[in-house]
Protein backbone atom coordinates (compact mmCIF):
# COMPACT_ATOMS: atom_id res chain seq x y z
CA MET A 1 -2.04 28.40 -2.07
CA ASP A 2 -5.47 29.25 -1.82
CA GLU A 3 -6.02 25.86 -3.10
CA PHE A 4 -3.57 23.93 -0.91
CA LYS A 5 -4.60 25.77 2.40
CA ILE A 6 -8.27 24.48 1.66
CA TYR A 7 -6.26 20.66 1.43
CA LEU A 8 -4.29 21.27 4.71
CA ASN A 9 -6.69 22.91 6.36
CA ASN A 10 -8.78 19.55 6.35
CA LEU A 11 -5.49 17.51 7.56
CA GLU A 12 -5.38 19.96 10.33
CA LYS A 13 -8.66 19.45 11.41
CA CYS A 14 -8.29 14.81 11.27
CA VAL A 15 -4.38 14.82 12.51
CA GLY A 16 -3.68 17.93 14.32
CA ASN A 17 -0.45 19.42 13.86
CA TYR A 18 1.63 18.13 12.01
CA ASP A 19 4.85 18.43 9.91
CA LEU A 20 4.76 20.65 6.41
CA TYR A 21 8.22 20.62 4.00
CA ILE A 22 8.04 22.23 1.40
CA ASN A 23 10.34 22.71 -1.42
CA LEU A 24 11.02 25.86 -3.79
CA VAL A 25 12.48 25.70 -7.45
CA LEU A 26 15.66 27.61 -7.96
CA GLN A 27 15.01 28.02 -11.79
CA ASN A 28 15.49 31.40 -13.25
CA LYS A 29 15.06 32.96 -10.05
CA GLU A 30 17.26 35.11 -7.60
CA TYR A 31 17.93 33.63 -4.32
CA LYS A 32 16.17 36.93 -2.67
CA ASN A 33 13.09 35.62 -4.57
CA ILE A 34 13.26 32.28 -3.13
CA ILE A 35 13.20 34.38 0.36
CA ASP A 36 10.49 36.34 -0.49
CA ILE A 37 8.40 33.37 -1.41
CA GLN A 38 8.87 31.67 2.07
CA ASP A 39 8.26 34.76 3.82
CA LYS A 40 5.04 35.05 2.15
CA ILE A 41 4.44 31.35 2.52
CA LYS A 42 5.31 31.50 6.21
CA GLU A 43 3.03 34.60 6.59
CA GLU A 44 0.26 32.77 5.03
CA LEU A 45 0.20 29.65 6.76
CA ASN A 46 1.36 31.45 10.32
CA LYS A 47 2.39 27.37 10.93
CA GLU A 48 4.64 25.78 13.00
CA ASN A 49 7.07 22.70 12.45
CA LEU A 50 7.16 24.75 8.82
CA TYR A 51 10.79 23.26 6.97
CA PHE A 52 11.76 25.07 3.29
CA THR A 53 14.26 23.21 1.19
CA ILE A 54 15.06 25.11 -1.97
CA SER A 55 16.30 22.46 -5.41
CA ASN A 56 17.55 23.10 -8.76
CA ASN A 57 14.89 22.22 -11.84
CA LYS A 58 15.97 18.51 -11.45
CA GLY A 59 13.68 15.48 -11.83
CA LEU A 60 10.35 16.90 -12.14
CA ASP A 61 8.76 16.81 -8.44
CA ILE A 62 10.97 13.87 -7.54
CA GLY A 63 13.63 15.78 -7.54
CA GLY A 64 12.39 17.90 -4.85
CA PHE A 65 10.43 15.57 -3.36
CA LEU A 66 14.06 13.87 -2.48
CA THR A 67 15.00 17.00 -1.12
CA SER A 68 12.53 17.57 1.20
CA LEU A 69 13.31 13.91 2.50
CA ASP A 70 16.59 14.51 2.95
CA LYS A 71 15.73 17.54 4.74
CA MET A 72 13.78 15.11 6.69
CA PHE A 73 17.01 12.75 7.14
CA GLU A 74 19.23 15.64 8.40
CA LEU A 75 16.42 16.38 10.92
CA LYS A 76 16.70 12.45 12.51
CA LYS A 77 12.98 13.15 11.95
CA ARG A 78 10.73 9.59 11.36
CA TYR A 79 7.03 9.60 10.38
CA GLU A 80 4.30 6.64 10.15
CA SER A 81 3.49 7.82 6.99
CA ILE A 82 4.22 10.79 4.24
CA ILE A 83 2.09 12.70 1.83
CA LYS A 84 3.74 14.25 -1.11
CA ILE A 85 1.75 16.03 -2.68
CA HIS A 86 3.03 18.37 -5.80
CA THR A 87 1.96 21.92 -7.68
CA LYS A 88 0.87 19.65 -10.81
CA THR A 89 0.06 21.72 -13.72
CA ASN A 90 -2.50 20.07 -15.33
CA ASP A 91 -5.75 21.75 -13.26
CA SER A 92 -8.63 18.57 -13.48
CA TRP A 93 -5.67 15.96 -12.99
CA ARG A 94 -4.07 17.62 -9.93
CA PHE A 95 -7.72 18.26 -8.56
CA ALA A 96 -8.43 14.51 -8.98
CA MET A 97 -5.05 13.19 -7.29
CA LEU A 98 -5.18 15.61 -4.05
CA TYR A 99 -9.24 15.01 -3.41
CA ALA A 100 -7.98 11.57 -3.29
CA LEU A 101 -6.14 12.35 -0.52
CA LEU A 102 -6.99 15.09 1.52
CA GLY A 103 -10.37 15.86 0.06
CA SER A 104 -12.63 16.18 3.00
CA GLU A 105 -12.00 14.91 6.71
CA LYS A 106 -14.13 11.59 5.88
CA ILE A 107 -11.87 10.38 2.97
CA ILE A 108 -8.88 11.98 5.37
CA LYS A 109 -9.80 9.45 8.17
CA ASN A 110 -10.45 6.55 5.58
CA ASN A 111 -7.43 7.13 4.43
CA LEU A 112 -5.77 6.96 8.33
CA ASN A 113 -7.38 3.52 8.12
CA LEU A 114 -6.28 2.31 4.77
CA ILE A 115 -2.50 3.53 5.89
CA LYS A 116 -2.39 1.62 9.11
CA ASN A 117 -3.26 -1.80 7.62
CA PRO A 118 -0.40 -3.29 7.88
CA LYS A 119 -1.30 -4.80 4.15
CA ILE A 120 -0.78 -1.69 2.63
CA GLY A 121 1.60 1.01 1.95
CA MET A 122 0.48 3.51 -0.43
CA ILE A 123 -2.19 4.94 -1.36
CA GLY A 124 -3.65 7.12 -4.24
CA ASN A 125 -6.09 8.63 -6.72
CA THR A 126 -6.00 5.26 -8.78
CA VAL A 127 -3.15 2.58 -9.32
CA PHE A 128 -1.97 1.07 -12.86
CA LYS A 129 -0.07 -1.71 -12.92
CA ILE A 130 3.50 -1.87 -14.66
CA ASN A 131 4.07 -4.02 -17.77
CA PHE A 132 7.89 -4.95 -17.58
CA ASN A 133 7.12 -7.06 -20.70
CA ASN A 134 7.02 -3.62 -22.27
CA LYS A 135 10.73 -2.66 -24.19
CA THR A 136 10.07 1.03 -23.61
CA ASN A 137 12.93 3.02 -22.08
CA VAL A 138 11.00 4.07 -18.57
CA ILE A 139 10.78 0.33 -18.16
CA LYS A 140 14.51 -0.03 -18.75
CA LEU A 141 15.50 2.84 -16.30
CA LEU A 142 12.93 0.70 -13.81
CA ASN A 143 14.95 -2.11 -14.20
CA ASP A 144 18.12 -0.58 -13.57
CA TYR A 145 16.68 0.79 -10.34
CA MET A 146 15.96 -2.22 -9.52
CA LYS A 147 18.96 -4.15 -9.56
CA LYS A 148 20.17 -0.97 -7.77
CA PHE A 149 17.60 -1.37 -4.75
CA LYS A 150 18.93 -5.54 -5.27
CA ILE A 151 14.65 -5.99 -5.98
CA SER A 152 13.67 -8.73 -8.01
CA GLN A 153 12.56 -7.71 -11.31
CA ASN A 154 9.94 -10.83 -10.67
CA ILE A 155 7.59 -9.48 -8.35
CA GLY A 156 5.36 -7.63 -10.51
CA CYS A 157 4.34 -3.92 -9.31
CA ASP A 158 1.26 -1.12 -9.27
CA PHE A 159 2.33 2.94 -9.14
CA ILE A 160 0.47 5.56 -8.73
CA PRO A 161 0.47 8.01 -11.87
CA GLY A 162 1.01 11.63 -11.25
CA THR A 163 3.46 10.91 -8.01
CA ILE A 164 0.72 12.17 -5.68
CA PHE A 165 -0.01 9.63 -2.72
CA TRP A 166 0.05 8.77 0.79
CA MET A 167 3.14 6.09 1.78
CA LYS A 168 3.94 4.30 5.17
CA GLY A 169 7.46 5.96 6.59
CA ASN A 170 9.08 3.37 6.99
CA ILE A 171 8.99 1.55 3.44
CA LEU A 172 11.03 4.86 2.58
CA GLU A 173 13.61 4.89 4.67
CA LYS A 174 14.33 1.08 4.17
CA TYR A 175 15.73 2.40 0.69
CA LEU A 176 16.48 5.92 1.09
CA ASN A 177 19.22 7.92 2.91
CA ARG A 178 20.91 10.96 2.52
CA LYS A 179 23.81 9.59 0.62
CA ILE A 180 21.92 7.82 -2.02
CA ILE A 181 19.68 10.63 -2.40
CA ASN A 182 22.21 12.61 -3.40
CA GLU A 183 23.39 10.35 -5.87
CA LEU A 184 20.04 9.59 -7.54
CA TYR A 185 19.27 13.28 -7.59
CA ASN A 186 22.68 14.04 -9.06
CA GLU A 187 21.26 11.90 -11.63
CA PHE A 188 18.62 13.53 -13.10
CA LYS A 189 19.39 15.61 -15.78
CA PRO A 190 18.45 20.04 -15.25
CA ASN A 191 16.05 21.41 -16.81
CA TYR A 192 14.11 18.18 -17.52
CA CYS A 193 10.78 18.34 -19.54
CA GLY A 194 10.37 14.55 -20.25
CA LEU A 195 7.19 13.99 -22.67
CA ILE A 196 6.74 17.34 -23.21
CA ASN A 197 10.20 18.29 -25.44
CA GLU A 198 11.92 14.93 -25.19
CA LYS A 199 8.99 12.38 -26.35
CA THR A 200 10.09 9.73 -23.99
CA GLU A 201 10.01 8.91 -20.68
CA GLY A 202 13.45 9.30 -18.67
CA LYS A 203 14.53 8.85 -14.98
CA PRO A 204 11.99 10.46 -13.37
CA HIS A 205 8.83 8.79 -14.62
CA ALA A 206 11.12 5.81 -13.84
CA PHE A 207 11.46 6.79 -10.54
CA GLU A 208 7.58 7.32 -10.44
CA ARG A 209 7.41 4.03 -10.76
CA LEU A 210 10.16 3.04 -8.82
CA PHE A 211 8.22 4.25 -5.39
CA GLY A 212 5.28 0.99 -6.49
CA VAL A 213 8.24 -1.36 -6.20
CA PHE A 214 8.90 -0.40 -3.14
CA VAL A 215 6.09 -1.09 -1.70
CA LYS A 216 5.60 -4.26 -3.38
CA SER A 217 9.18 -5.19 -2.05
CA VAL A 218 8.04 -5.69 1.39
CA GLY A 219 5.29 -7.80 1.17
CA MET A 220 2.79 -4.46 0.79
CA LYS A 221 0.03 -3.33 -1.63
CA VAL A 222 -0.47 -0.04 -3.48
CA VAL A 223 -4.43 0.95 -3.06
CA LYS A 224 -6.94 3.35 -4.59
CA PHE A 225 -8.72 5.79 -1.76
CA ASP A 226 -11.26 5.15 0.42
CA THR A 227 -14.14 7.71 -0.94
C-alpha cells in the first residue's frame, strides 16, 4: 500500500479526484478477513469514490480486473480513460510498469496528452508485437477470443506485457458488458498459475494480448509511455 500510495498521490495531483476500484482475492481467506483489509485500506487512503470488489483466485490479475469492470458497469459509470494496475509479484517489473504510467507528474501529464490523441488507444511501459504465425497455445486461445468478438485475425496487433496499462474507456465499453464479463470470468481456471506450474500460457495470457487487439480493431494504436 505504501508503494501504491505514491503513484496514486501523483495521479491526484494531476487530475484531482478520480474513482478507484480495488479488487481483493478471497483465496484461503475468510470473508471477515477481507472486510478487515477493506477497512484498513479505507483508513489508509481516506478517499471518496472508492469501490471494492471481491473475486476468487481466477484469471490472475485479469480476473480481478474483469470483476472491477463488472462493478463499473453495475454502477453505470463511464470513463474517458481507465488505468489498470496490479500487485505484480516481480518487484523490478512492477516498478518499471507503474513508473511508466504514474511515476511523476510530468509522466502523467504526458500520458494524459497521449490518451487524448484520437489515434492512441492504450499506453504502457513497453510494447510487443503479436506474432500470429506462432503455433503456440496462447495464440490459439487468442484466435478463439477474436472469433468470439468477431474481430478479423488479419489485423496485426501490439500488446503491453504485464497488463499494467492506461486505456481509453470507450474501447472496453465497445466489447465488454456484464453478461460477457460473467461468461469470460467463468471460463478461467481456479488457482491458475500459468507458466509457473503448468509450463504453458493459458486464457489469462491470451486475454492479456486481447486488449491490444481491441485497440487495433477500432483503428487505434498501442504506444509506449512518454517520458
